[in-house]
N, C-alpha and C. Protein backbone atom coordinates (compact mmCIF):
# COMPACT_ATOMS: atom_id res chain seq x y z
N UNK A 1 95.41 150.76 135.30
CA UNK A 1 94.50 149.92 134.70
C UNK A 1 94.29 148.66 135.58
N UNK A 2 94.82 148.59 136.53
CA UNK A 2 94.75 147.54 137.63
C UNK A 2 93.52 147.87 138.63
N UNK A 3 93.03 148.99 138.65
CA UNK A 3 91.83 149.41 139.43
C UNK A 3 90.62 149.12 138.85
N UNK A 4 90.59 149.04 137.46
CA UNK A 4 89.39 148.69 136.52
C UNK A 4 88.17 147.97 137.21
N UNK A 5 88.38 146.68 137.75
CA UNK A 5 87.52 145.87 138.40
C UNK A 5 86.71 146.67 139.37
N UNK A 6 87.66 147.35 140.13
CA UNK A 6 86.80 147.99 141.29
C UNK A 6 85.88 149.14 140.85
N UNK A 7 86.41 150.06 139.53
CA UNK A 7 85.66 150.76 138.96
C UNK A 7 84.40 150.26 138.53
N UNK A 8 84.55 149.09 138.04
CA UNK A 8 83.10 148.55 137.42
C UNK A 8 82.38 148.02 138.68
N UNK A 9 82.95 147.63 139.57
CA UNK A 9 81.97 147.04 140.75
C UNK A 9 81.14 148.38 141.24
N UNK A 10 81.73 149.63 141.29
CA UNK A 10 81.13 150.72 141.82
C UNK A 10 80.08 151.10 140.72
N UNK A 11 80.15 150.97 139.69
CA UNK A 11 79.03 151.11 138.70
C UNK A 11 78.08 149.95 138.81
N UNK A 12 78.29 148.96 139.33
CA UNK A 12 77.32 147.87 139.45
C UNK A 12 76.48 148.29 140.39
N UNK A 13 76.94 148.83 141.43
CA UNK A 13 76.12 149.35 142.46
C UNK A 13 75.30 150.38 142.13
N UNK A 14 75.52 151.36 141.11
CA UNK A 14 75.05 152.43 140.76
C UNK A 14 73.92 151.80 139.75
N UNK A 15 74.30 151.01 138.78
CA UNK A 15 73.34 150.64 137.57
C UNK A 15 73.02 149.17 137.55
N UNK A 16 72.45 148.69 138.75
CA UNK A 16 72.42 147.15 139.11
C UNK A 16 71.65 146.47 137.79
N UNK A 17 70.69 146.90 137.01
CA UNK A 17 70.16 146.04 135.98
C UNK A 17 70.98 146.13 134.64
N UNK A 18 72.12 146.77 134.76
CA UNK A 18 73.06 146.70 133.66
C UNK A 18 74.41 145.90 133.73
N UNK A 19 74.70 145.11 132.46
CA UNK A 19 75.71 144.42 132.46
C UNK A 19 77.11 145.10 132.08
N UNK A 20 78.42 144.91 132.48
CA UNK A 20 79.68 145.68 132.69
C UNK A 20 79.63 146.61 131.25
N UNK A 21 79.30 145.89 130.04
CA UNK A 21 79.41 146.69 128.75
C UNK A 21 78.47 147.60 128.63
N UNK A 22 77.35 147.40 129.10
CA UNK A 22 76.29 148.42 129.24
C UNK A 22 76.69 149.53 130.12
N UNK A 23 77.16 149.08 131.28
CA UNK A 23 77.48 150.47 132.36
C UNK A 23 78.34 151.35 131.76
N UNK A 24 79.56 150.80 130.94
CA UNK A 24 80.43 151.75 130.09
C UNK A 24 79.71 152.58 129.24
N UNK A 25 78.85 151.95 128.42
CA UNK A 25 77.95 152.82 127.46
C UNK A 25 77.09 153.64 127.81
N UNK A 26 76.49 153.49 128.99
CA UNK A 26 75.72 154.39 129.74
C UNK A 26 76.40 155.49 130.31
N UNK A 27 77.76 155.41 131.03
CA UNK A 27 78.34 156.29 131.44
C UNK A 27 78.83 157.36 130.40
N UNK A 28 79.29 156.70 129.22
CA UNK A 28 79.59 157.66 128.13
C UNK A 28 78.35 158.54 127.65
N UNK A 29 77.50 157.92 127.79
CA UNK A 29 75.99 158.74 127.29
C UNK A 29 75.75 159.89 128.24
N UNK A 30 75.95 159.36 129.44
CA UNK A 30 75.74 160.49 130.50
C UNK A 30 76.50 161.60 130.42
N UNK A 31 77.77 161.40 130.11
CA UNK A 31 78.66 162.63 129.64
C UNK A 31 78.23 163.73 128.69
N UNK A 32 77.54 163.25 127.66
CA UNK A 32 76.78 163.73 126.66
C UNK A 32 75.48 164.42 126.99
N UNK A 33 74.60 163.49 127.72
CA UNK A 33 73.11 163.80 127.67
C UNK A 33 72.75 164.05 129.05
N UNK A 34 73.33 163.84 130.11
CA UNK A 34 72.92 163.89 131.44
C UNK A 34 72.34 165.22 131.65
N UNK A 35 72.53 166.20 131.46
CA UNK A 35 71.92 167.52 131.63
C UNK A 35 70.51 167.81 130.78
N UNK A 36 70.22 167.08 129.82
CA UNK A 36 68.98 167.00 129.30
C UNK A 36 67.91 166.54 130.18
N UNK A 37 68.17 165.89 131.15
CA UNK A 37 67.22 165.46 132.18
C UNK A 37 67.45 165.96 133.61
N UNK A 38 66.24 165.82 134.35
CA UNK A 38 66.30 166.25 135.72
C UNK A 38 66.75 165.26 136.54
N UNK A 39 66.31 164.02 136.38
CA UNK A 39 66.77 163.01 137.35
C UNK A 39 66.76 161.54 136.65
N UNK A 40 67.32 160.53 137.12
CA UNK A 40 67.04 159.39 136.75
C UNK A 40 66.71 158.25 137.75
N UNK A 41 66.21 157.43 137.47
CA UNK A 41 65.78 156.13 138.29
C UNK A 41 66.49 154.96 137.71
N UNK A 42 66.98 153.99 138.48
CA UNK A 42 67.50 152.62 137.93
C UNK A 42 67.11 151.80 138.62
N UNK A 43 67.09 150.35 137.63
CA UNK A 43 66.54 149.26 138.16
C UNK A 43 65.02 149.24 138.36
N UNK A 44 64.33 149.74 137.59
CA UNK A 44 62.87 149.91 137.75
C UNK A 44 62.05 148.79 137.43
N UNK A 45 61.21 148.24 138.37
CA UNK A 45 60.70 147.00 138.03
C UNK A 45 59.13 147.55 137.59
N UNK A 46 58.56 146.68 136.76
CA UNK A 46 57.61 146.95 136.04
C UNK A 46 56.74 145.65 135.58
N UNK A 47 55.39 145.76 135.39
CA UNK A 47 54.90 144.52 134.87
C UNK A 47 54.15 143.73 135.90
N UNK A 48 53.98 142.47 135.77
CA UNK A 48 52.98 141.55 136.77
C UNK A 48 53.84 141.00 137.55
N UNK A 49 53.36 141.07 138.87
CA UNK A 49 54.05 140.55 140.03
C UNK A 49 53.46 139.02 140.07
N UNK A 50 54.52 138.04 139.77
CA UNK A 50 54.04 136.59 139.68
C UNK A 50 54.75 136.14 140.95
N UNK A 51 53.75 135.81 141.96
CA UNK A 51 54.17 135.23 143.02
C UNK A 51 54.39 133.51 142.89
N UNK A 52 55.75 133.07 143.41
CA UNK A 52 55.78 131.73 143.22
C UNK A 52 55.16 130.85 144.25
N UNK A 53 54.47 131.53 145.28
CA UNK A 53 53.74 131.00 146.15
C UNK A 53 54.34 129.92 147.28
N UNK A 54 53.57 129.66 148.22
CA UNK A 54 54.05 128.77 149.10
C UNK A 54 54.35 127.41 148.56
N UNK A 55 55.18 126.63 149.00
CA UNK A 55 55.92 126.59 150.42
C UNK A 55 56.88 127.20 150.51
N UNK A 56 57.41 128.36 149.61
CA UNK A 56 58.70 128.93 149.61
C UNK A 56 58.60 129.97 150.91
N UNK A 57 59.73 129.97 151.63
CA UNK A 57 59.69 131.03 152.62
C UNK A 57 59.73 132.52 152.14
N UNK A 58 59.24 133.39 152.85
CA UNK A 58 58.79 134.66 152.58
C UNK A 58 59.78 135.50 151.55
N UNK A 59 61.32 135.52 152.20
CA UNK A 59 62.23 136.18 151.48
C UNK A 59 62.41 135.43 150.00
N UNK A 60 62.29 134.23 149.80
CA UNK A 60 62.43 133.33 148.60
C UNK A 60 61.43 133.84 147.70
N UNK A 61 59.94 133.90 148.16
CA UNK A 61 58.92 134.38 147.35
C UNK A 61 59.08 135.84 146.98
N UNK A 62 59.75 136.67 147.70
CA UNK A 62 59.88 137.98 147.39
C UNK A 62 60.94 138.12 146.14
N UNK A 63 61.77 137.37 146.42
CA UNK A 63 63.09 137.45 145.12
C UNK A 63 62.31 136.84 143.80
N UNK A 64 61.57 135.84 144.07
CA UNK A 64 60.83 135.16 142.91
C UNK A 64 60.19 135.92 142.12
N UNK A 65 59.40 137.03 142.87
CA UNK A 65 58.47 137.89 142.32
C UNK A 65 59.19 138.97 141.37
N UNK A 66 60.51 139.37 142.09
CA UNK A 66 61.45 140.47 141.35
C UNK A 66 62.00 139.76 140.35
N UNK A 67 62.33 138.36 140.21
CA UNK A 67 62.91 137.82 139.04
C UNK A 67 62.07 137.82 138.00
N UNK A 68 60.72 137.56 138.31
CA UNK A 68 59.69 137.37 137.01
C UNK A 68 59.22 138.67 136.49
N UNK A 69 59.56 139.76 136.92
CA UNK A 69 59.12 141.17 136.68
C UNK A 69 60.00 141.65 135.78
N UNK A 70 59.78 142.46 134.89
CA UNK A 70 60.38 143.24 133.74
C UNK A 70 61.21 144.44 134.62
N UNK A 71 62.47 144.61 134.14
CA UNK A 71 63.38 145.47 135.00
C UNK A 71 63.96 146.62 134.14
N UNK A 72 63.81 147.73 134.07
CA UNK A 72 64.38 148.72 133.04
C UNK A 72 65.50 149.01 133.48
N UNK A 73 66.47 149.28 132.47
CA UNK A 73 67.92 149.64 132.83
C UNK A 73 67.76 151.10 133.59
N UNK A 74 66.99 151.92 133.07
CA UNK A 74 66.95 153.23 133.47
C UNK A 74 65.76 154.07 132.99
N UNK A 75 65.13 155.16 134.02
CA UNK A 75 64.20 155.66 133.44
C UNK A 75 64.60 157.32 133.64
N UNK A 76 64.70 158.00 132.73
CA UNK A 76 65.06 159.44 132.98
C UNK A 76 63.82 160.42 132.93
N UNK A 77 63.91 161.59 133.83
CA UNK A 77 62.58 162.40 133.69
C UNK A 77 62.94 163.74 133.18
N UNK A 78 62.11 164.27 132.73
CA UNK A 78 62.09 166.12 132.48
C UNK A 78 60.91 166.25 133.04
N UNK A 79 61.08 167.04 134.23
CA UNK A 79 59.82 167.33 135.16
C UNK A 79 59.14 165.99 135.24
N UNK A 80 58.05 165.73 134.98
CA UNK A 80 57.42 164.32 135.42
C UNK A 80 57.14 163.17 134.24
N UNK A 81 57.69 163.65 132.94
CA UNK A 81 57.70 163.09 131.65
C UNK A 81 58.93 162.02 131.78
N UNK A 82 58.46 160.67 131.57
CA UNK A 82 59.53 159.62 131.75
C UNK A 82 60.02 159.14 130.35
N UNK A 83 61.17 158.88 130.37
CA UNK A 83 61.95 158.19 128.90
C UNK A 83 62.58 156.99 129.30
N UNK A 84 62.17 155.95 129.02
CA UNK A 84 62.56 154.70 129.30
C UNK A 84 63.69 154.27 128.35
N UNK A 85 65.09 153.85 128.97
CA UNK A 85 66.20 153.49 128.43
C UNK A 85 66.43 152.30 128.33
N UNK A 86 66.85 151.78 127.18
CA UNK A 86 67.69 150.14 126.87
C UNK A 86 68.77 150.72 126.63
N UNK A 87 69.74 150.03 127.43
CA UNK A 87 71.07 150.26 127.26
C UNK A 87 72.10 148.94 126.56
N UNK A 88 72.62 148.89 125.62
CA UNK A 88 73.20 147.95 125.19
C UNK A 88 74.74 148.21 124.30
N UNK A 89 75.64 147.48 124.32
CA UNK A 89 76.88 147.59 123.54
C UNK A 89 76.38 147.58 122.25
N UNK A 90 75.77 146.75 121.80
CA UNK A 90 75.21 146.58 120.30
C UNK A 90 73.89 146.26 120.41
N UNK A 91 73.07 147.10 119.80
CA UNK A 91 71.52 147.08 119.82
C UNK A 91 71.09 146.19 118.60
N UNK A 92 70.47 145.10 118.86
CA UNK A 92 69.86 144.24 117.96
C UNK A 92 68.27 144.46 118.04
N UNK A 93 67.67 143.57 117.01
CA UNK A 93 66.03 143.43 116.87
C UNK A 93 65.32 143.06 118.09
N UNK A 94 66.00 142.07 118.87
CA UNK A 94 65.50 141.78 120.01
C UNK A 94 65.05 143.11 120.87
N UNK A 95 65.85 144.03 121.07
CA UNK A 95 65.84 145.40 121.87
C UNK A 95 64.46 145.97 121.68
N UNK A 96 63.87 145.84 120.26
CA UNK A 96 62.69 146.41 119.84
C UNK A 96 61.73 146.02 120.50
N UNK A 97 61.81 144.65 120.78
CA UNK A 97 60.63 143.86 121.37
C UNK A 97 60.83 144.15 122.99
N UNK A 98 61.87 144.16 123.70
CA UNK A 98 61.73 144.78 125.01
C UNK A 98 61.08 146.04 125.36
N UNK A 99 61.63 146.88 124.31
CA UNK A 99 61.23 148.31 124.41
C UNK A 99 59.63 148.51 124.35
N UNK A 100 59.10 147.66 123.47
CA UNK A 100 57.61 147.51 123.40
C UNK A 100 56.74 147.05 124.45
N UNK A 101 57.51 146.22 124.93
CA UNK A 101 56.97 145.44 126.31
C UNK A 101 57.20 146.48 127.43
N UNK A 102 58.12 147.27 127.53
CA UNK A 102 58.37 148.23 128.53
C UNK A 102 57.08 149.39 128.44
N UNK A 103 57.05 149.83 127.22
CA UNK A 103 56.04 150.79 127.02
C UNK A 103 54.62 150.48 127.21
N UNK A 104 54.28 148.99 127.22
CA UNK A 104 53.03 148.62 127.59
C UNK A 104 53.03 148.52 129.09
N UNK A 105 53.69 148.12 129.53
CA UNK A 105 53.78 147.93 130.97
C UNK A 105 54.08 148.96 131.98
N UNK A 106 54.68 150.11 131.44
CA UNK A 106 54.99 151.28 132.42
C UNK A 106 53.91 151.73 132.89
N UNK A 107 52.99 152.21 132.03
CA UNK A 107 51.69 153.02 132.47
C UNK A 107 50.86 152.02 133.33
N UNK A 108 50.72 150.89 133.27
CA UNK A 108 50.14 149.67 134.02
C UNK A 108 50.39 149.91 135.41
N UNK A 109 52.01 149.87 135.56
CA UNK A 109 52.73 150.15 136.74
C UNK A 109 52.59 151.19 137.54
N UNK A 110 52.71 152.20 136.64
CA UNK A 110 52.77 153.63 137.07
C UNK A 110 51.49 154.46 136.54
N UNK A 111 50.39 154.13 136.87
CA UNK A 111 49.19 154.89 136.08
C UNK A 111 49.02 156.38 136.35
N UNK A 112 49.74 157.11 137.24
CA UNK A 112 49.60 158.61 137.39
C UNK A 112 50.71 159.13 136.63
N UNK A 113 51.84 158.27 135.84
CA UNK A 113 52.81 159.01 135.03
C UNK A 113 52.34 159.61 133.78
N UNK A 114 52.89 160.51 133.27
CA UNK A 114 52.66 160.88 131.89
C UNK A 114 53.10 159.74 130.99
N UNK A 115 52.50 159.59 129.78
CA UNK A 115 53.16 158.75 128.88
C UNK A 115 54.36 158.65 128.62
N UNK A 116 55.07 157.42 128.54
CA UNK A 116 56.48 157.37 128.56
C UNK A 116 56.94 157.34 127.02
N UNK A 117 58.34 157.97 126.95
CA UNK A 117 58.72 157.73 125.41
C UNK A 117 60.04 156.88 125.66
N UNK A 118 60.58 156.34 124.61
CA UNK A 118 61.49 155.26 124.85
C UNK A 118 62.92 155.57 124.06
N UNK A 119 64.24 155.20 124.55
CA UNK A 119 65.35 155.31 123.61
C UNK A 119 66.06 154.16 123.88
N UNK A 120 66.85 153.73 122.76
CA UNK A 120 67.89 152.68 122.87
C UNK A 120 69.03 153.37 123.02
N UNK A 121 69.99 153.12 123.77
CA UNK A 121 71.42 153.74 123.91
C UNK A 121 72.28 152.49 123.74
N UNK A 122 73.27 152.82 122.61
CA UNK A 122 74.19 151.62 122.27
C UNK A 122 75.43 152.08 121.91
N UNK A 123 76.35 151.59 121.98
CA UNK A 123 77.85 151.74 121.23
C UNK A 123 77.92 151.54 119.72
N UNK A 124 76.76 150.59 119.38
CA UNK A 124 76.77 150.02 117.74
C UNK A 124 75.36 149.59 117.91
N UNK A 125 75.04 149.37 116.71
CA UNK A 125 73.58 149.12 116.18
C UNK A 125 73.45 148.18 114.87
N UNK A 126 72.73 147.16 115.16
CA UNK A 126 72.53 146.26 113.83
C UNK A 126 71.81 147.10 112.68
N UNK A 127 72.59 147.46 111.41
CA UNK A 127 71.90 148.49 110.47
C UNK A 127 70.51 148.18 109.92
N UNK A 128 69.77 147.12 110.62
CA UNK A 128 68.45 146.77 110.22
C UNK A 128 67.55 147.81 111.17
N UNK A 129 68.15 148.12 112.35
CA UNK A 129 67.41 149.00 113.50
C UNK A 129 66.74 150.21 113.17
N UNK A 130 67.72 151.16 112.63
CA UNK A 130 67.29 152.49 112.69
C UNK A 130 66.04 152.95 112.05
N UNK A 131 65.61 152.30 110.80
CA UNK A 131 64.51 152.62 110.17
C UNK A 131 63.38 151.98 110.81
N UNK A 132 63.29 151.06 111.58
CA UNK A 132 62.22 150.30 112.23
C UNK A 132 62.01 151.22 113.39
N UNK A 133 63.03 151.52 114.38
CA UNK A 133 63.22 152.64 115.32
C UNK A 133 62.18 153.70 115.03
N UNK A 134 62.68 154.55 113.99
CA UNK A 134 62.19 155.61 113.46
C UNK A 134 60.49 155.71 113.39
N UNK A 135 60.21 154.45 112.80
CA UNK A 135 58.92 153.90 112.22
C UNK A 135 58.02 153.95 113.76
N UNK A 136 58.67 153.23 114.55
CA UNK A 136 57.98 153.00 115.76
C UNK A 136 58.17 154.41 116.83
N UNK A 137 58.68 155.38 116.30
CA UNK A 137 58.99 156.56 117.19
C UNK A 137 59.92 156.12 118.49
N UNK A 138 60.80 155.35 118.41
CA UNK A 138 61.64 154.86 119.48
C UNK A 138 62.97 155.47 119.06
N UNK A 139 63.60 156.33 120.16
CA UNK A 139 64.73 157.15 119.90
C UNK A 139 65.94 156.08 119.83
N UNK A 140 66.95 156.37 119.27
CA UNK A 140 68.42 155.89 119.13
C UNK A 140 69.49 156.76 119.38
N UNK A 141 70.24 156.54 120.59
CA UNK A 141 71.57 157.36 120.73
C UNK A 141 72.62 156.33 120.50
N UNK A 142 73.40 156.58 119.45
CA UNK A 142 74.73 155.75 119.21
C UNK A 142 75.77 156.61 120.18
N UNK A 143 76.22 155.85 120.98
CA UNK A 143 77.46 156.52 121.75
C UNK A 143 78.93 156.19 121.38
N UNK A 144 79.46 157.29 120.56
CA UNK A 144 80.91 156.91 120.08
C UNK A 144 82.14 157.00 121.21
N UNK A 145 82.79 156.39 120.85
CA UNK A 145 84.21 156.39 121.79
C UNK A 145 84.24 155.54 122.93
N UNK A 146 83.26 154.64 123.20
CA UNK A 146 83.27 153.90 124.83
C UNK A 146 84.45 152.96 124.61
N UNK A 147 85.29 152.80 125.64
CA UNK A 147 86.50 152.20 125.81
C UNK A 147 85.96 150.89 126.51
N UNK A 148 85.80 149.83 125.74
CA UNK A 148 85.39 148.59 126.31
C UNK A 148 86.75 147.47 126.58
N UNK A 149 87.69 148.32 126.69
CA UNK A 149 89.06 147.39 126.68
C UNK A 149 89.20 147.08 128.08
N UNK A 150 88.63 147.76 129.15
CA UNK A 150 88.79 147.38 130.67
C UNK A 150 87.70 146.18 130.85
N UNK A 151 87.11 145.82 129.86
CA UNK A 151 86.39 144.62 130.16
C UNK A 151 87.40 143.28 130.07
N UNK A 152 88.56 143.46 129.37
CA UNK A 152 89.45 142.12 129.41
C UNK A 152 89.67 141.86 130.82
N UNK A 153 89.99 142.73 131.71
CA UNK A 153 90.29 142.39 133.04
C UNK A 153 89.47 141.63 133.76
N UNK A 154 88.19 141.57 133.37
CA UNK A 154 87.13 140.81 134.06
C UNK A 154 86.98 139.42 133.81
N UNK A 155 87.74 139.06 132.75
CA UNK A 155 87.62 137.69 132.54
C UNK A 155 87.06 137.17 130.90
N UNK A 156 87.16 136.03 130.70
CA UNK A 156 86.76 135.85 129.27
C UNK A 156 85.44 135.87 129.01
N UNK A 157 84.38 135.73 130.07
CA UNK A 157 83.00 135.53 129.79
C UNK A 157 82.26 136.88 129.48
N UNK A 158 83.32 138.18 129.76
CA UNK A 158 82.61 139.34 129.35
C UNK A 158 82.82 139.67 128.08
N UNK A 159 81.70 140.20 127.30
CA UNK A 159 82.05 140.55 125.83
C UNK A 159 83.10 141.59 125.78
N UNK A 160 83.74 141.47 124.68
CA UNK A 160 84.76 142.83 124.30
C UNK A 160 84.72 143.01 122.90
N UNK A 161 85.14 144.20 122.55
CA UNK A 161 85.38 144.58 121.06
C UNK A 161 85.88 143.50 120.20
């Protein structure tokens, strides 16, 4: 178990928009659903590019633009058809707002793409969400059996079950 932080570090490089608990949730989801998609993109920036302007040096300005944009955890494709994924250990009402913002800005950023659909992938969910998600036609995938115990090795600032 002492190699877990290294394992999580390798996942950070693969899934840079996700937190450690989200990476574990996503890996488990991929074990079940990966074959349903042709490919995945990670850390996808969408929305308004807000330049912080001069007098900041160019590298700082570029970083500022990226920090102000919205960033998608993952986008899966079946052919050219995108699915936007929001990944959480426990999904809550705030995630519905995120998804709605993403669904608005995805076609603005990628106007040639077919209309996107969205799914929340979570190890657990606030019981108020499923009915609302169904009404909004946002998918929900609950991922059973995610082992979050490895997060304890990272320190007390990482949420554990």
